[in-house]
């Protein structure tokens, strides 16, 4: 059994120097770029790029798989984070894979 590492980036609504980033709806705006309308006619966010509460704060979550699935979108978001000096943390977890068995 092979162990794989799955990572996500957590991007907070604050700059590296602690200032709140504006406009306040930037997380939803970026996440909606990969969202679609589900059968309920409501916006459904992608698992690869979505808003989520993290430690009580609304954050943007980017799955590192986005880089493979949609490299242009991944680069766009990473450039946005870098240009605006947003606080970003990488979180990884090990997953057991049944591949090849």
PDB file of N, CA and C in Angstrom:
ATOM      1  N   UNK A   1       0.843  -1.180   0.000  1.00  0.00           N
ATOM      2  CA  UNK A   1       0.000   0.000   0.000  1.00  0.00           C
ATOM      3  C   UNK A   1       0.890   1.246   0.000  1.00  0.00           C
ATOM      4  N   UNK A   2       0.577   2.171  -0.893  1.00  0.00           N
ATOM      5  CA  UNK A   2       1.364   3.385  -1.047  1.00  0.00           C
ATOM      6  C   UNK A   2       0.727   4.523  -0.251  1.00  0.00           C
ATOM      7  N   UNK A   3       1.571   5.371   0.357  1.00  0.00           N
ATOM      8  CA  UNK A   3       1.072   6.527   1.086  1.00  0.00           C
ATOM      9  C   UNK A   3       1.282   7.760   0.219  1.00  0.00           C
ATOM     10  N   UNK A   4       0.194   8.488  -0.013  1.00  0.00           N
ATOM     11  CA  UNK A   4       0.270   9.715  -0.801  1.00  0.00           C
ATOM     12  C   UNK A   4       0.021  10.898   0.122  1.00  0.00           C
ATOM     13  N   UNK A   5       0.548  12.047  -0.247  1.00  0.00           N
ATOM     14  CA  UNK A   5       0.325  13.251   0.535  1.00  0.00           C
ATOM     15  C   UNK A   5      -0.612  14.160  -0.243  1.00  0.00           C
ATOM     16  N   UNK A   6      -1.667  14.578   0.406  1.00  0.00           N
ATOM     17  CA  UNK A   6      -2.648  15.471  -0.196  1.00  0.00           C
ATOM     18  C   UNK A   6      -2.542  16.823   0.502  1.00  0.00           C
ATOM     19  N   UNK A   7      -2.386  17.901  -0.283  1.00  0.00           N
ATOM     20  CA  UNK A   7      -2.196  19.223   0.309  1.00  0.00           C
ATOM     21  C   UNK A   7      -3.241  20.215  -0.178  1.00  0.00           C
ATOM     22  N   UNK A   8      -3.477  21.189   0.676  1.00  0.00           N
ATOM     23  CA  UNK A   8      -4.361  22.306   0.352  1.00  0.00           C
ATOM     24  C   UNK A   8      -3.702  23.584   0.854  1.00  0.00           C
ATOM     25  N   UNK A   9      -4.005  24.676   0.187  1.00  0.00           N
ATOM     26  CA  UNK A   9      -3.569  25.991   0.650  1.00  0.00           C
ATOM     27  C   UNK A   9      -4.752  26.670   1.308  1.00  0.00           C
ATOM     28  N   UNK A  10      -4.498  27.306   2.431  1.00  0.00           N
ATOM     29  CA  UNK A  10      -5.514  28.076   3.139  1.00  0.00           C
ATOM     30  C   UNK A  10      -5.095  29.538   3.027  1.00  0.00           C
ATOM     31  N   UNK A  11      -5.917  30.321   2.354  1.00  0.00           N
ATOM     32  CA  UNK A  11      -5.603  31.730   2.149  1.00  0.00           C
ATOM     33  C   UNK A  11      -6.562  32.552   3.002  1.00  0.00           C
ATOM     34  N   UNK A  12      -5.981  33.320   3.897  1.00  0.00           N
ATOM     35  CA  UNK A  12      -6.774  34.113   4.830  1.00  0.00           C
ATOM     36  C   UNK A  12      -7.108  35.486   4.240  1.00  0.00           C
ATOM     37  N   UNK A  13      -8.081  36.137   4.830  1.00  0.00           N
ATOM     38  CA  UNK A  13      -8.509  37.455   4.381  1.00  0.00           C
ATOM     39  C   UNK A  13      -7.682  38.572   4.972  1.00  0.00           C
ATOM     40  N   UNK A  14      -6.425  38.259   5.296  1.00  0.00           N
ATOM     41  CA  UNK A  14      -5.520  39.247   5.879  1.00  0.00           C
ATOM     42  C   UNK A  14      -4.203  39.242   5.118  1.00  0.00           C
ATOM     43  N   UNK A  15      -3.581  40.402   5.077  1.00  0.00           N
ATOM     44  CA  UNK A  15      -2.275  40.498   4.445  1.00  0.00           C
ATOM     45  C   UNK A  15      -1.214  39.976   5.415  1.00  0.00           C
ATOM     46  N   UNK A  16      -0.017  39.771   4.903  1.00  0.00           N
ATOM     47  CA  UNK A  16       1.077  39.250   5.731  1.00  0.00           C
ATOM     48  C   UNK A  16       1.377  40.162   6.918  1.00  0.00           C
ATOM     49  N   UNK A  17       1.096  41.465   6.784  1.00  0.00           N
ATOM     50  CA  UNK A  17       1.351  42.388   7.896  1.00  0.00           C
ATOM     51  C   UNK A  17       0.124  42.597   8.784  1.00  0.00           C
ATOM     52  N   UNK A  18      -0.921  41.741   8.597  1.00  0.00           N
ATOM     53  CA  UNK A  18      -2.054  41.728   9.516  1.00  0.00           C
ATOM     54  C   UNK A  18      -3.229  42.624   9.169  1.00  0.00           C
ATOM     55  N   UNK A  19      -3.182  43.322   8.037  1.00  0.00           N
ATOM     56  CA  UNK A  19      -4.306  44.176   7.653  1.00  0.00           C
ATOM     57  C   UNK A  19      -5.392  43.349   6.970  1.00  0.00           C
ATOM     58  N   UNK A  20      -6.656  43.711   7.234  1.00  0.00           N
ATOM     59  CA  UNK A  20      -7.786  43.022   6.596  1.00  0.00           C
ATOM     60  C   UNK A  20      -7.805  43.398   5.124  1.00  0.00           C
ATOM     61  N   UNK A  21      -7.938  42.392   4.247  1.00  0.00           N
ATOM     62  CA  UNK A  21      -7.921  42.641   2.814  1.00  0.00           C
ATOM     63  C   UNK A  21      -9.315  43.036   2.340  1.00  0.00           C
ATOM     64  N   UNK A  22      -9.367  44.036   1.491  1.00  0.00           N
ATOM     65  CA  UNK A  22     -10.613  44.532   0.907  1.00  0.00           C
ATOM     66  C   UNK A  22     -10.579  44.353  -0.596  1.00  0.00           C
ATOM     67  N   UNK A  23     -11.689  44.177  -1.290  1.00  0.00           N
ATOM     68  CA  UNK A  23     -13.048  44.168  -0.750  1.00  0.00           C
ATOM     69  C   UNK A  23     -13.311  42.896   0.045  1.00  0.00           C
ATOM     70  N   UNK A  24     -14.236  42.971   0.958  1.00  0.00           N
ATOM     71  CA  UNK A  24     -14.483  41.855   1.873  1.00  0.00           C
ATOM     72  C   UNK A  24     -15.037  40.614   1.177  1.00  0.00           C
ATOM     73  N   UNK A  25     -15.593  40.758  -0.038  1.00  0.00           N
ATOM     74  CA  UNK A  25     -16.174  39.596  -0.722  1.00  0.00           C
ATOM     75  C   UNK A  25     -15.215  38.950  -1.725  1.00  0.00           C
ATOM     76  N   UNK A  26     -13.928  39.245  -1.630  1.00  0.00           N
ATOM     77  CA  UNK A  26     -12.954  38.722  -2.609  1.00  0.00           C
ATOM     78  C   UNK A  26     -12.921  37.196  -2.616  1.00  0.00           C
ATOM     79  N   UNK A  27     -13.118  36.564  -1.469  1.00  0.00           N
ATOM     80  CA  UNK A  27     -13.068  35.091  -1.397  1.00  0.00           C
ATOM     81  C   UNK A  27     -14.182  34.488  -2.251  1.00  0.00           C
ATOM     82  N   UNK A  28     -15.400  35.003  -2.093  1.00  0.00           N
ATOM     83  CA  UNK A  28     -16.528  34.490  -2.882  1.00  0.00           C
ATOM     84  C   UNK A  28     -16.344  34.787  -4.368  1.00  0.00           C
ATOM     85  N   UNK A  29     -15.796  35.948  -4.678  1.00  0.00           N
ATOM     86  CA  UNK A  29     -15.585  36.304  -6.091  1.00  0.00           C
ATOM     87  C   UNK A  29     -14.635  35.323  -6.766  1.00  0.00           C
ATOM     88  N   UNK A  30     -13.528  35.024  -6.106  1.00  0.00           N
ATOM     89  CA  UNK A  30     -12.556  34.099  -6.704  1.00  0.00           C
ATOM     90  C   UNK A  30     -13.118  32.671  -6.736  1.00  0.00           C
ATOM     91  N   UNK A  31     -13.722  32.230  -5.644  1.00  0.00           N
ATOM     92  CA  UNK A  31     -14.274  30.872  -5.594  1.00  0.00           C
ATOM     93  C   UNK A  31     -15.365  30.676  -6.648  1.00  0.00           C
ATOM     94  N   UNK A  32     -16.131  31.728  -6.944  1.00  0.00           N
ATOM     95  CA  UNK A  32     -17.222  31.588  -7.913  1.00  0.00           C
ATOM     96  C   UNK A  32     -16.705  31.431  -9.340  1.00  0.00           C
ATOM     97  N   UNK A  33     -15.434  31.721  -9.578  1.00  0.00           N
ATOM     98  CA  UNK A  33     -14.867  31.568 -10.916  1.00  0.00           C
ATOM     99  C   UNK A  33     -14.848  30.100 -11.356  1.00  0.00           C
ATOM    100  N   UNK A  34     -14.850  29.178 -10.405  1.00  0.00           N
ATOM    101  CA  UNK A  34     -14.873  27.744 -10.737  1.00  0.00           C
ATOM    102  C   UNK A  34     -16.161  27.077 -10.273  1.00  0.00           C
ATOM    103  N   UNK A  35     -17.112  27.867  -9.797  1.00  0.00           N
ATOM    104  CA  UNK A  35     -18.377  27.309  -9.317  1.00  0.00           C
ATOM    105  C   UNK A  35     -19.322  27.078 -10.496  1.00  0.00           C
ATOM    106  N   UNK A  36     -20.325  26.263 -10.251  1.00  0.00           N
ATOM    107  CA  UNK A  36     -21.348  26.017 -11.271  1.00  0.00           C
ATOM    108  C   UNK A  36     -22.700  25.958 -10.571  1.00  0.00           C
ATOM    109  N   UNK A  37     -23.758  26.013 -11.363  1.00  0.00           N
ATOM    110  CA  UNK A  37     -25.092  25.906 -10.780  1.00  0.00           C
ATOM    111  C   UNK A  37     -25.521  24.454 -10.764  1.00  0.00           C
ATOM    112  N   UNK A  38     -25.894  23.982  -9.580  1.00  0.00           N
ATOM    113  CA  UNK A  38     -26.318  22.598  -9.416  1.00  0.00           C
ATOM    114  C   UNK A  38     -27.771  22.417  -9.818  1.00  0.00           C
ATOM    115  N   UNK A  39     -28.275  21.217  -9.625  1.00  0.00           N
ATOM    116  CA  UNK A  39     -29.654  20.895  -9.995  1.00  0.00           C
ATOM    117  C   UNK A  39     -30.660  21.701  -9.183  1.00  0.00           C
ATOM    118  N   UNK A  40     -30.251  22.201  -8.031  1.00  0.00           N
ATOM    119  CA  UNK A  40     -31.139  23.005  -7.192  1.00  0.00           C
ATOM    120  C   UNK A  40     -31.125  24.477  -7.603  1.00  0.00           C
ATOM    121  N   UNK A  41     -30.398  24.766  -8.703  1.00  0.00           N
ATOM    122  CA  UNK A  41     -30.271  26.134  -9.210  1.00  0.00           C
ATOM    123  C   UNK A  41     -29.562  27.046  -8.211  1.00  0.00           C
ATOM    124  N   UNK A  42     -28.717  26.462  -7.412  1.00  0.00           N
ATOM    125  CA  UNK A  42     -27.900  27.212  -6.460  1.00  0.00           C
ATOM    126  C   UNK A  42     -26.443  27.044  -6.856  1.00  0.00           C
ATOM    127  N   UNK A  43     -25.649  28.035  -6.511  1.00  0.00           N
ATOM    128  CA  UNK A  43     -24.230  28.002  -6.825  1.00  0.00           C
ATOM    129  C   UNK A  43     -23.534  26.920  -6.009  1.00  0.00           C
ATOM    130  N   UNK A  44     -22.790  26.061  -6.679  1.00  0.00           N
ATOM    131  CA  UNK A  44     -22.052  24.979  -6.024  1.00  0.00           C
ATOM    132  C   UNK A  44     -20.568  25.220  -6.271  1.00  0.00           C
ATOM    133  N   UNK A  45     -19.823  25.386  -5.175  1.00  0.00           N
ATOM    134  CA  UNK A  45     -18.394  25.643  -5.295  1.00  0.00           C
ATOM    135  C   UNK A  45     -17.635  24.364  -5.611  1.00  0.00           C
ATOM    136  N   UNK A  46     -16.534  24.512  -6.316  1.00  0.00           N
ATOM    137  CA  UNK A  46     -15.657  23.390  -6.642  1.00  0.00           C
ATOM    138  C   UNK A  46     -14.934  22.925  -5.385  1.00  0.00           C
ATOM    139  N   UNK A  47     -14.694  21.628  -5.282  1.00  0.00           N
ATOM    140  CA  UNK A  47     -13.905  21.097  -4.172  1.00  0.00           C
ATOM    141  C   UNK A  47     -12.450  21.571  -4.255  1.00  0.00           C
ATOM    142  N   UNK A  48     -12.039  21.984  -5.437  1.00  0.00           N
ATOM    143  CA  UNK A  48     -10.652  22.409  -5.644  1.00  0.00           C
ATOM    144  C   UNK A  48     -10.412  23.867  -5.290  1.00  0.00           C
ATOM    145  N   UNK A  49     -11.480  24.666  -5.230  1.00  0.00           N
ATOM    146  CA  UNK A  49     -11.366  26.093  -4.947  1.00  0.00           C
ATOM    147  C   UNK A  49     -12.674  26.550  -4.325  1.00  0.00           C
ATOM    148  N   UNK A  50     -12.673  26.770  -3.004  1.00  0.00           N
ATOM    149  CA  UNK A  50     -13.927  27.097  -2.334  1.00  0.00           C
ATOM    150  C   UNK A  50     -13.696  27.873  -1.035  1.00  0.00           C
ATOM    151  N   UNK A  51     -14.723  28.601  -0.601  1.00  0.00           N
ATOM    152  CA  UNK A  51     -14.638  29.266   0.696  1.00  0.00           C
ATOM    153  C   UNK A  51     -14.895  28.254   1.806  1.00  0.00           C
ATOM    154  N   UNK A  52     -14.272  28.487   2.946  1.00  0.00           N
ATOM    155  CA  UNK A  52     -14.468  27.584   4.089  1.00  0.00           C
ATOM    156  C   UNK A  52     -14.082  28.329   5.361  1.00  0.00           C
ATOM    157  N   UNK A  53     -14.747  27.998   6.456  1.00  0.00           N
ATOM    158  CA  UNK A  53     -14.356  28.577   7.735  1.00  0.00           C
ATOM    159  C   UNK A  53     -13.150  27.814   8.259  1.00  0.00           C
ATOM    160  N   UNK A  54     -12.134  28.546   8.636  1.00  0.00           N
ATOM    161  CA  UNK A  54     -10.920  27.946   9.197  1.00  0.00           C
ATOM    162  C   UNK A  54     -10.538  28.767  10.410  1.00  0.00           C
ATOM    163  N   UNK A  55     -10.528  28.131  11.568  1.00  0.00           N
ATOM    164  CA  UNK A  55     -10.237  28.794  12.839  1.00  0.00           C
ATOM    165  C   UNK A  55     -11.112  30.037  13.025  1.00  0.00           C
ATOM    166  N   UNK A  56     -12.394  29.890  12.659  1.00  0.00           N
ATOM    167  CA  UNK A  56     -13.359  30.959  12.861  1.00  0.00           C
ATOM    168  C   UNK A  56     -13.344  32.066  11.822  1.00  0.00           C
ATOM    169  N   UNK A  57     -12.463  31.980  10.839  1.00  0.00           N
ATOM    170  CA  UNK A  57     -12.347  33.007   9.804  1.00  0.00           C
ATOM    171  C   UNK A  57     -12.704  32.411   8.447  1.00  0.00           C
ATOM    172  N   UNK A  58     -13.381  33.209   7.614  1.00  0.00           N
ATOM    173  CA  UNK A  58     -13.667  32.765   6.254  1.00  0.00           C
ATOM    174  C   UNK A  58     -12.372  32.838   5.453  1.00  0.00           C
ATOM    175  N   UNK A  59     -12.023  31.727   4.817  1.00  0.00           N
ATOM    176  CA  UNK A  59     -10.790  31.627   4.043  1.00  0.00           C
ATOM    177  C   UNK A  59     -11.091  31.036   2.676  1.00  0.00           C
ATOM    178  N   UNK A  60     -10.133  31.168   1.774  1.00  0.00           N
ATOM    179  CA  UNK A  60     -10.217  30.534   0.468  1.00  0.00           C
ATOM    180  C   UNK A  60      -9.355  29.284   0.520  1.00  0.00           C
ATOM    181  N   UNK A  61      -9.919  28.153   0.146  1.00  0.00           N
ATOM    182  CA  UNK A  61      -9.200  26.884   0.158  1.00  0.00           C
ATOM    183  C   UNK A  61      -8.896  26.482  -1.279  1.00  0.00           C
ATOM    184  N   UNK A  62      -7.634  26.184  -1.534  1.00  0.00           N
ATOM    185  CA  UNK A  62      -7.226  25.717  -2.856  1.00  0.00           C
ATOM    186  C   UNK A  62      -6.607  24.342  -2.693  1.00  0.00           C
ATOM    187  N   UNK A  63      -7.179  23.358  -3.356  1.00  0.00           N
ATOM    188  CA  UNK A  63      -6.596  22.019  -3.374  1.00  0.00           C
ATOM    189  C   UNK A  63      -5.438  22.048  -4.366  1.00  0.00           C
ATOM    190  N   UNK A  64      -4.299  21.459  -4.003  1.00  0.00           N
ATOM    191  CA  UNK A  64      -3.141  21.485  -4.900  1.00  0.00           C
ATOM    192  C   UNK A  64      -3.412  20.740  -6.206  1.00  0.00           C
ATOM    193  N   UNK A  65      -4.441  19.897  -6.253  1.00  0.00           N
ATOM    194  CA  UNK A  65      -4.815  19.216  -7.498  1.00  0.00           C
ATOM    195  C   UNK A  65      -5.272  20.207  -8.567  1.00  0.00           C
ATOM    196  N   UNK A  66      -5.660  21.415  -8.136  1.00  0.00           N
ATOM    197  CA  UNK A  66      -6.090  22.432  -9.091  1.00  0.00           C
ATOM    198  C   UNK A  66      -4.967  22.736 -10.085  1.00  0.00           C
ATOM    199  N   UNK A  67      -3.727  22.649  -9.637  1.00  0.00           N
ATOM    200  CA  UNK A  67      -2.589  22.927 -10.515  1.00  0.00           C
ATOM    201  C   UNK A  67      -2.557  21.964 -11.706  1.00  0.00           C
ATOM    202  N   UNK A  68      -2.978  20.707 -11.493  1.00  0.00           N
ATOM    203  CA  UNK A  68      -3.023  19.719 -12.571  1.00  0.00           C
ATOM    204  C   UNK A  68      -4.289  19.855 -13.420  1.00  0.00           C
ATOM    205  N   UNK A  69      -5.413  20.102 -12.758  1.00  0.00           N
ATOM    206  CA  UNK A  69      -6.715  20.138 -13.428  1.00  0.00           C
ATOM    207  C   UNK A  69      -6.912  21.425 -14.234  1.00  0.00           C
ATOM    208  N   UNK A  70      -6.490  22.559 -13.643  1.00  0.00           N
ATOM    209  CA  UNK A  70      -6.692  23.852 -14.287  1.00  0.00           C
ATOM    210  C   UNK A  70      -5.491  24.753 -13.962  1.00  0.00           C
ATOM    211  N   UNK A  71      -4.350  24.532 -14.642  1.00  0.00           N
ATOM    212  CA  UNK A  71      -3.133  25.286 -14.327  1.00  0.00           C
ATOM    213  C   UNK A  71      -3.303  26.800 -14.443  1.00  0.00           C
ATOM    214  N   UNK A  72      -4.117  27.259 -15.380  1.00  0.00           N
ATOM    215  CA  UNK A  72      -4.339  28.695 -15.542  1.00  0.00           C
ATOM    216  C   UNK A  72      -5.011  29.311 -14.331  1.00  0.00           C
ATOM    217  N   UNK A  73      -6.022  28.634 -13.816  1.00  0.00           N
ATOM    218  CA  UNK A  73      -6.733  29.125 -12.628  1.00  0.00           C
ATOM    219  C   UNK A  73      -5.820  29.088 -11.407  1.00  0.00           C
ATOM    220  N   UNK A  74      -5.053  28.002 -11.278  1.00  0.00           N
ATOM    221  CA  UNK A  74      -4.119  27.883 -10.157  1.00  0.00           C
ATOM    222  C   UNK A  74      -3.131  29.048 -10.185  1.00  0.00           C
ATOM    223  N   UNK A  75      -2.579  29.327 -11.345  1.00  0.00           N
ATOM    224  CA  UNK A  75      -1.608  30.417 -11.484  1.00  0.00           C
ATOM    225  C   UNK A  75      -2.256  31.772 -11.194  1.00  0.00           C
ATOM    226  N   UNK A  76      -3.482  31.963 -11.667  1.00  0.00           N
ATOM    227  CA  UNK A  76      -4.206  33.210 -11.409  1.00  0.00           C
ATOM    228  C   UNK A  76      -4.355  33.450  -9.903  1.00  0.00           C
ATOM    229  N   UNK A  77      -4.811  32.424  -9.178  1.00  0.00           N
ATOM    230  CA  UNK A  77      -5.039  32.578  -7.737  1.00  0.00           C
ATOM    231  C   UNK A  77      -3.713  32.796  -7.005  1.00  0.00           C
ATOM    232  N   UNK A  78      -2.686  32.034  -7.370  1.00  0.00           N
ATOM    233  CA  UNK A  78      -1.383  32.198  -6.715  1.00  0.00           C
ATOM    234  C   UNK A  78      -0.793  33.590  -6.975  1.00  0.00           C
ATOM    235  N   UNK A  79      -0.966  34.100  -8.188  1.00  0.00           N
ATOM    236  CA  UNK A  79      -0.507  35.460  -8.496  1.00  0.00           C
ATOM    237  C   UNK A  79      -1.278  36.488  -7.677  1.00  0.00           C
ATOM    238  N   UNK A  80      -2.589  36.282  -7.525  1.00  0.00           N
ATOM    239  CA  UNK A  80      -3.431  37.181  -6.729  1.00  0.00           C
ATOM    240  C   UNK A  80      -2.937  37.214  -5.283  1.00  0.00           C
ATOM    241  N   UNK A  81      -2.658  36.042  -4.733  1.00  0.00           N
ATOM    242  CA  UNK A  81      -2.173  35.936  -3.357  1.00  0.00           C
ATOM    243  C   UNK A  81      -0.834  36.663  -3.206  1.00  0.00           C
ATOM    244  N   UNK A  82       0.077  36.406  -4.135  1.00  0.00           N
ATOM    245  CA  UNK A  82       1.412  37.004  -4.082  1.00  0.00           C
ATOM    246  C   UNK A  82       1.351  38.529  -4.249  1.00  0.00           C
ATOM    247  N   UNK A  83       0.605  38.994  -5.248  1.00  0.00           N
ATOM    248  CA  UNK A  83       0.526  40.431  -5.528  1.00  0.00           C
ATOM    249  C   UNK A  83      -0.108  41.221  -4.391  1.00  0.00           C
ATOM    250  N   UNK A  84      -1.031  40.585  -3.667  1.00  0.00           N
ATOM    251  CA  UNK A  84      -1.713  41.263  -2.565  1.00  0.00           C
ATOM    252  C   UNK A  84      -1.130  40.903  -1.204  1.00  0.00           C
ATOM    253  N   UNK A  85      -0.058  40.108  -1.215  1.00  0.00           N
ATOM    254  CA  UNK A  85       0.655  39.707   0.017  1.00  0.00           C
ATOM    255  C   UNK A  85      -0.300  39.129   1.063  1.00  0.00           C
ATOM    256  N   UNK A  86      -1.148  38.198   0.605  1.00  0.00           N
ATOM    257  CA  UNK A  86      -2.109  37.575   1.514  1.00  0.00           C
ATOM    258  C   UNK A  86      -1.447  36.454   2.308  1.00  0.00           C
ATOM    259  N   UNK A  87      -1.951  36.247   3.504  1.00  0.00           N
ATOM    260  CA  UNK A  87      -1.455  35.205   4.393  1.00  0.00           C
ATOM    261  C   UNK A  87      -1.904  33.842   3.867  1.00  0.00           C
ATOM    262  N   UNK A  88      -0.935  32.947   3.633  1.00  0.00           N
ATOM    263  CA  UNK A  88      -1.262  31.630   3.081  1.00  0.00           C
ATOM    264  C   UNK A  88      -0.516  30.553   3.857  1.00  0.00           C
ATOM    265  N   UNK A  89      -1.218  29.458   4.122  1.00  0.00           N
ATOM    266  CA  UNK A  89      -0.646  28.320   4.838  1.00  0.00           C
ATOM    267  C   UNK A  89      -0.910  27.071   4.018  1.00  0.00           C
ATOM    268  N   UNK A  90       0.084  26.185   3.954  1.00  0.00           N
ATOM    269  CA  UNK A  90      -0.118  24.902   3.285  1.00  0.00           C
ATOM    270  C   UNK A  90      -0.356  23.844   4.345  1.00  0.00           C
ATOM    271  N   UNK A  91      -1.407  23.058   4.156  1.00  0.00           N
ATOM    272  CA  UNK A  91      -1.755  21.982   5.084  1.00  0.00           C
ATOM    273  C   UNK A  91      -1.775  20.681   4.287  1.00  0.00           C
ATOM    274  N   UNK A  92      -1.026  19.697   4.761  1.00  0.00           N
ATOM    275  CA  UNK A  92      -0.953  18.414   4.060  1.00  0.00           C
ATOM    276  C   UNK A  92      -1.376  17.280   4.987  1.00  0.00           C
ATOM    277  N   UNK A  93      -1.957  16.265   4.381  1.00  0.00           N
ATOM    278  CA  UNK A  93      -2.333  15.068   5.142  1.00  0.00           C
ATOM    279  C   UNK A  93      -1.953  13.850   4.321  1.00  0.00           C
ATOM    280  N   UNK A  94      -1.584  12.814   5.006  1.00  0.00           N
ATOM    281  CA  UNK A  94      -1.218  11.573   4.317  1.00  0.00           C
ATOM    282  C   UNK A  94      -2.476  10.765   4.050  1.00  0.00           C
ATOM    283  N   UNK A  95      -2.542  10.205   2.847  1.00  0.00           N
ATOM    284  CA  UNK A  95      -3.675   9.356   2.478  1.00  0.00           C
ATOM    285  C   UNK A  95      -3.106   8.038   1.969  1.00  0.00           C
ATOM    286  N   UNK A  96      -3.716   6.953   2.387  1.00  0.00           N
ATOM    287  CA  UNK A  96      -3.272   5.651   1.906  1.00  0.00           C
ATOM    288  C   UNK A  96      -3.927   5.384   0.561  1.00  0.00           C
ATOM    289  N   UNK A  97      -3.147   4.944  -0.361  1.00  0.00           N
ATOM    290  CA  UNK A  97      -3.651   4.696  -1.700  1.00  0.00           C
ATOM    291  C   UNK A  97      -3.645   3.191  -1.993  1.00  0.00           C
ATOM    292  N   UNK A  98      -4.660   2.753  -2.655  1.00  0.00           N
ATOM    293  CA  UNK A  98      -4.765   1.347  -3.038  1.00  0.00           C
ATOM    294  C   UNK A  98      -4.247   1.142  -4.449  1.00  0.00           C
ATOM    295  N   UNK A  99      -3.676   2.172  -5.053  1.00  0.00           N
ATOM    296  CA  UNK A  99      -3.203   2.084  -6.429  1.00  0.00           C
ATOM    297  C   UNK A  99      -2.171   0.973  -6.571  1.00  0.00           C
ATOM    298  N   UNK A 100      -2.295   0.223  -7.634  1.00  0.00           N
ATOM    299  CA  UNK A 100      -1.323  -0.809  -7.940  1.00  0.00           C
ATOM    300  C   UNK A 100      -1.473  -2.088  -7.152  1.00  0.00           C
ATOM    301  N   UNK A 101      -2.488  -2.175  -6.308  1.00  0.00           N
ATOM    302  CA  UNK A 101      -2.635  -3.418  -5.531  1.00  0.00           C
ATOM    303  C   UNK A 101      -3.773  -4.254  -6.034  1.00  0.00           C
TER     304      UNK A 101
END
